[in-house]
Amino acid sequence: MCQIFAGQDPGRYETVTRRLRLNGQSTSIRLERAFWNILDDIAAREGVSTPAFISRLHAEVLELHGEAPNFTSLLRCACTIHLGEDAQLAPAAIAAE
C-alpha cells in the first residue's frame, strides 16, 4: 500500500522557493514542487499567471479574514480542494461523453 506514496519521485516533494509580489509586497513562498505544479494548473485554468493568482487569493483572504496567518498552508489546502473538485468533475465528464 505505501509503495504508491513511498515510491514517488523525490523531486515531487523537493521544496522550491519562488519570489513574487503579494499586493505590492515582495515576498517568497516555499512549497513542494507538486504543490507548485497544481498552483500553476489552477492559475492557467483561471487565465492568469501563478503570481497573479496567488496575489488575488491573498487579497481575498485578507478581505474575508483580515489576515493570512499561515498562507503557505492555505495554498496547500487550496490545492487539495482543487484536486477534489477535479475528481468530482471527472465522472461527470465521462458520463457526458
C-alpha atoms as a PDB file:
ATOM      1  CA  MET A   1       0.000   0.000   0.000  1.00  0.00           C
ATOM      2  CA  CYS A   2       2.625   2.551   0.988  1.00  0.00           C
ATOM      3  CA  GLN A   3       4.642   1.845  -2.165  1.00  0.00           C
ATOM      4  CA  ILE A   4       2.469   4.358  -4.038  1.00  0.00           C
ATOM      5  CA  PHE A   5       3.462   7.027  -1.545  1.00  0.00           C
ATOM      6  CA  ALA A   6       6.967   5.931  -0.571  1.00  0.00           C
ATOM      7  CA  GLY A   7       7.973   5.121  -4.138  1.00  0.00           C
ATOM      8  CA  GLN A   8       7.255   8.538  -5.584  1.00  0.00           C
ATOM      9  CA  ASP A   9       9.977  10.579  -7.243  1.00  0.00           C
ATOM     10  CA  PRO A  10      11.732  12.703  -4.585  1.00  0.00           C
ATOM     11  CA  GLY A  11      11.573  15.631  -7.000  1.00  0.00           C
ATOM     12  CA  ARG A  12       7.812  15.842  -6.337  1.00  0.00           C
ATOM     13  CA  TYR A  13       8.342  16.764  -2.696  1.00  0.00           C
ATOM     14  CA  GLU A  14      11.504  18.805  -3.110  1.00  0.00           C
ATOM     15  CA  THR A  15      10.882  22.308  -1.776  1.00  0.00           C
ATOM     16  CA  VAL A  16      11.025  25.143  -4.255  1.00  0.00           C
ATOM     17  CA  THR A  17      11.089  28.817  -3.318  1.00  0.00           C
ATOM     18  CA  ARG A  18       9.538  31.352  -5.655  1.00  0.00           C
ATOM     19  CA  ARG A  19       9.819  35.110  -5.234  1.00  0.00           C
ATOM     20  CA  LEU A  20       6.719  37.117  -6.067  1.00  0.00           C
ATOM     21  CA  ARG A  21       4.756  40.195  -5.126  1.00  0.00           C
ATOM     22  CA  LEU A  22       1.668  39.861  -2.973  1.00  0.00           C
ATOM     23  CA  ASN A  23      -0.378  43.012  -3.337  1.00  0.00           C
ATOM     24  CA  GLY A  24       2.707  45.125  -3.935  1.00  0.00           C
ATOM     25  CA  GLN A  25       4.896  43.489  -1.270  1.00  0.00           C
ATOM     26  CA  SER A  26       7.890  41.445  -2.368  1.00  0.00           C
ATOM     27  CA  THR A  27       7.989  38.060  -0.647  1.00  0.00           C
ATOM     28  CA  SER A  28       8.991  34.467  -1.183  1.00  0.00           C
ATOM     29  CA  ILE A  29       6.940  31.315  -0.802  1.00  0.00           C
ATOM     30  CA  ARG A  30       8.413  27.857  -0.277  1.00  0.00           C
ATOM     31  CA  LEU A  31       6.289  24.885  -1.302  1.00  0.00           C
ATOM     32  CA  GLU A  32       6.873  21.368  -2.506  1.00  0.00           C
ATOM     33  CA  ARG A  33       7.214  21.088  -6.290  1.00  0.00           C
ATOM     34  CA  ALA A  34       3.971  19.073  -6.536  1.00  0.00           C
ATOM     35  CA  PHE A  35       2.017  21.971  -4.992  1.00  0.00           C
ATOM     36  CA  TRP A  36       3.635  24.485  -7.345  1.00  0.00           C
ATOM     37  CA  ASN A  37       2.559  22.294 -10.276  1.00  0.00           C
ATOM     38  CA  ILE A  38      -1.028  22.301  -9.018  1.00  0.00           C
ATOM     39  CA  LEU A  39      -0.992  26.073  -8.448  1.00  0.00           C
ATOM     40  CA  ASP A  40       0.394  26.567 -11.964  1.00  0.00           C
ATOM     41  CA  ASP A  41      -2.505  24.473 -13.285  1.00  0.00           C
ATOM     42  CA  ILE A  42      -5.122  26.398 -11.286  1.00  0.00           C
ATOM     43  CA  ALA A  43      -3.713  29.718 -12.497  1.00  0.00           C
ATOM     44  CA  ALA A  44      -3.676  28.536 -16.120  1.00  0.00           C
ATOM     45  CA  ARG A  45      -7.326  27.479 -15.826  1.00  0.00           C
ATOM     46  CA  GLU A  46      -8.122  30.939 -14.440  1.00  0.00           C
ATOM     47  CA  GLY A  47      -6.252  32.539 -17.354  1.00  0.00           C
ATOM     48  CA  VAL A  48      -3.686  34.319 -15.169  1.00  0.00           C
ATOM     49  CA  SER A  49      -0.084  33.848 -14.146  1.00  0.00           C
ATOM     50  CA  THR A  50       0.650  31.918 -10.963  1.00  0.00           C
ATOM     51  CA  PRO A  51       1.869  35.032  -9.119  1.00  0.00           C
ATOM     52  CA  ALA A  52      -1.296  36.904 -10.165  1.00  0.00           C
ATOM     53  CA  PHE A  53      -3.498  34.030  -8.955  1.00  0.00           C
ATOM     54  CA  ILE A  54      -1.678  33.798  -5.617  1.00  0.00           C
ATOM     55  CA  SER A  55      -1.828  37.565  -5.150  1.00  0.00           C
ATOM     56  CA  ARG A  56      -5.576  37.584  -5.865  1.00  0.00           C
ATOM     57  CA  LEU A  57      -6.125  34.716  -3.416  1.00  0.00           C
ATOM     58  CA  HIS A  58      -4.081  36.523  -0.760  1.00  0.00           C
ATOM     59  CA  ALA A  59      -6.132  39.702  -1.240  1.00  0.00           C
ATOM     60  CA  GLU A  60      -9.378  37.752  -0.910  1.00  0.00           C
ATOM     61  CA  VAL A  61      -8.167  36.064   2.294  1.00  0.00           C
ATOM     62  CA  LEU A  62      -7.271  39.454   3.763  1.00  0.00           C
ATOM     63  CA  GLU A  63     -10.677  40.804   2.795  1.00  0.00           C
ATOM     64  CA  LEU A  64     -12.503  37.844   4.376  1.00  0.00           C
ATOM     65  CA  HIS A  65     -10.374  37.295   7.478  1.00  0.00           C
ATOM     66  CA  GLY A  66      -8.272  40.427   7.915  1.00  0.00           C
ATOM     67  CA  GLU A  67      -5.075  38.373   7.962  1.00  0.00           C
ATOM     68  CA  ALA A  68      -3.451  35.299   6.455  1.00  0.00           C
ATOM     69  CA  PRO A  69      -1.586  33.739   9.392  1.00  0.00           C
ATOM     70  CA  ASN A  70      -0.289  30.649   7.565  1.00  0.00           C
ATOM     71  CA  PHE A  71      -0.656  31.429   3.893  1.00  0.00           C
ATOM     72  CA  THR A  72       1.516  28.555   2.646  1.00  0.00           C
ATOM     73  CA  SER A  73      -0.743  26.084   4.456  1.00  0.00           C
ATOM     74  CA  LEU A  74      -3.750  27.799   2.901  1.00  0.00           C
ATOM     75  CA  LEU A  75      -2.142  27.295  -0.527  1.00  0.00           C
ATOM     76  CA  ARG A  76      -1.609  23.588   0.161  1.00  0.00           C
ATOM     77  CA  CYS A  77      -5.228  23.218   1.278  1.00  0.00           C
ATOM     78  CA  ALA A  78      -6.400  25.107  -1.817  1.00  0.00           C
ATOM     79  CA  CYS A  79      -4.528  22.542  -3.897  1.00  0.00           C
ATOM     80  CA  THR A  80      -6.279  19.645  -2.157  1.00  0.00           C
ATOM     81  CA  ILE A  81      -9.650  21.331  -2.713  1.00  0.00           C
ATOM     82  CA  HIS A  82      -8.766  21.766  -6.383  1.00  0.00           C
ATOM     83  CA  LEU A  83      -7.789  18.095  -6.682  1.00  0.00           C
ATOM     84  CA  GLY A  84     -11.032  17.032  -5.008  1.00  0.00           C
ATOM     85  CA  GLU A  85     -13.071  19.120  -7.404  1.00  0.00           C
ATOM     86  CA  ASP A  86     -11.212  17.610 -10.350  1.00  0.00           C
ATOM     87  CA  ALA A  87     -12.004  14.131  -9.021  1.00  0.00           C
ATOM     88  CA  GLN A  88     -15.696  15.027  -8.724  1.00  0.00           C
ATOM     89  CA  LEU A  89     -15.808  16.523 -12.214  1.00  0.00           C
ATOM     90  CA  ALA A  90     -14.101  13.569 -13.910  1.00  0.00           C
ATOM     91  CA  PRO A  91     -17.027  11.085 -13.556  1.00  0.00           C
ATOM     92  CA  ALA A  92     -19.471  13.733 -14.766  1.00  0.00           C
ATOM     93  CA  ALA A  93     -17.323  14.454 -17.813  1.00  0.00           C
ATOM     94  CA  ILE A  94     -17.079  10.744 -18.628  1.00  0.00           C
ATOM     95  CA  ALA A  95     -20.847  10.332 -18.234  1.00  0.00           C
ATOM     96  CA  ALA A  96     -21.455  13.261 -20.600  1.00  0.00           C
ATOM     97  CA  GLU A  97     -19.452  11.560 -23.368  1.00  0.00           C
END
